[in-house]
Amino acid sequence: MKQQYLEVTFRKGKPLAAYLYLHPNAGDKCVRTEKREAGLIVDYAPDGRAIGIEITAPGMVALTSLNRVMESLNESPLTQEDVSPLVAA
């Protein structure tokens, strides 16, 4: 199992979308999604494990909102440094 990591897609220097991978396993596929806070969607694997968080509005999502979702998934909270790519542009 890998460590969590954030992938951000930029367009014209601004974050367009982002995905926070939560300890992905090789071959993980999303079979169910669940809307959470505004702009955050959790993806689940067939075994019920949360595999990632879609961030549909990266410029509008607050770290506190993201950490509420992380807490609900029994994940460690993120730091400002962890999400710095979202505000890098």
Protein backbone atom coordinates (compact mmCIF):
# COMPACT_ATOMS: atom_id res chain seq x y z
CA MET A 1 0.00 0.00 0.00
CA LYS A 2 1.34 3.42 -0.96
CA GLN A 3 1.25 6.63 1.03
CA GLN A 4 -1.47 9.16 0.33
CA TYR A 5 -0.69 11.82 -2.24
CA LEU A 6 -2.39 14.75 -3.93
CA GLU A 7 -2.66 15.12 -7.70
CA VAL A 8 -3.71 18.52 -9.07
CA THR A 9 -4.73 19.37 -12.63
CA PHE A 10 -3.99 22.95 -13.65
CA ARG A 11 -5.39 25.01 -16.50
CA LYS A 12 -3.89 28.38 -17.35
CA GLY A 13 -1.97 28.33 -14.07
CA LYS A 14 -5.03 27.77 -11.87
CA PRO A 15 -6.06 24.50 -10.17
CA LEU A 16 -8.96 23.00 -12.12
CA ALA A 17 -9.46 19.74 -10.23
CA ALA A 18 -7.62 17.63 -7.69
CA TYR A 19 -7.62 14.09 -6.32
CA LEU A 20 -6.31 12.97 -2.95
CA TYR A 21 -5.29 9.31 -3.15
CA LEU A 22 -5.71 7.54 0.20
CA HIS A 23 -3.19 4.70 0.45
CA PRO A 24 -3.99 3.24 -2.98
CA ASN A 25 -3.42 -0.40 -3.83
CA ALA A 26 -2.47 -1.50 -7.33
CA GLY A 27 -5.59 -2.09 -9.39
CA ASP A 28 -7.99 -0.19 -7.10
CA LYS A 29 -11.21 0.71 -8.89
CA CYS A 30 -13.96 2.98 -7.69
CA VAL A 31 -17.33 1.23 -7.41
CA ARG A 32 -19.19 3.78 -5.29
CA THR A 33 -19.01 7.50 -4.63
CA GLU A 34 -20.41 9.58 -1.80
CA LYS A 35 -20.82 13.35 -1.83
CA ARG A 36 -19.57 14.94 1.35
CA GLU A 37 -18.88 18.60 1.98
CA ALA A 38 -19.27 21.04 -0.90
CA GLY A 39 -16.77 20.18 -3.61
CA LEU A 40 -15.65 16.88 -2.02
CA ILE A 41 -16.58 13.40 -3.20
CA VAL A 42 -15.23 10.20 -1.60
CA ASP A 43 -14.53 7.20 -3.84
CA TYR A 44 -14.78 3.65 -2.48
CA ALA A 45 -13.25 0.32 -3.59
CA PRO A 46 -15.29 -2.91 -3.82
CA ASP A 47 -14.15 -3.87 -0.31
CA GLY A 48 -15.71 -0.68 1.13
CA ARG A 49 -12.38 1.06 1.70
CA ALA A 50 -12.14 4.77 0.87
CA ILE A 51 -9.55 5.08 -1.88
CA GLY A 52 -9.64 8.77 -2.64
CA ILE A 53 -11.26 12.14 -2.39
CA GLU A 54 -12.23 14.06 -5.51
CA ILE A 55 -11.83 17.80 -5.04
CA THR A 56 -14.08 19.32 -7.67
CA ALA A 57 -13.51 22.97 -6.75
CA PRO A 58 -9.95 23.13 -5.45
CA GLY A 59 -9.89 26.91 -5.18
CA MET A 60 -12.95 26.92 -2.95
CA VAL A 61 -12.31 23.99 -0.58
CA ALA A 62 -10.99 24.88 2.86
CA LEU A 63 -8.48 22.75 4.73
CA THR A 64 -10.97 22.48 7.61
CA SER A 65 -13.59 20.94 5.29
CA LEU A 66 -11.09 18.49 3.90
CA ASN A 67 -9.98 17.52 7.41
CA ARG A 68 -13.58 16.90 8.53
CA VAL A 69 -13.88 14.38 5.70
CA MET A 70 -10.46 12.90 6.57
CA GLU A 71 -11.55 12.49 10.20
CA SER A 72 -14.79 10.77 9.17
CA LEU A 73 -12.66 8.28 7.19
CA ASN A 74 -10.32 7.68 10.15
CA GLU A 75 -7.45 9.30 8.26
CA SER A 76 -4.82 11.61 9.71
CA PRO A 77 -5.52 15.31 9.26
CA LEU A 78 -3.80 17.17 6.44
CA THR A 79 -1.52 20.13 6.99
CA GLN A 80 -1.38 23.35 5.02
CA GLU A 81 1.82 22.01 3.45
CA ASP A 82 -0.03 18.88 2.25
CA VAL A 83 -2.51 20.97 0.28
CA SER A 84 -0.12 23.73 -0.81
CA PRO A 85 -0.33 22.67 -4.51
CA LEU A 86 -3.99 23.75 -4.46
CA VAL A 87 -2.98 27.35 -3.82
CA ALA A 88 0.39 27.35 -5.57
CA ALA A 89 -0.75 29.21 -8.67
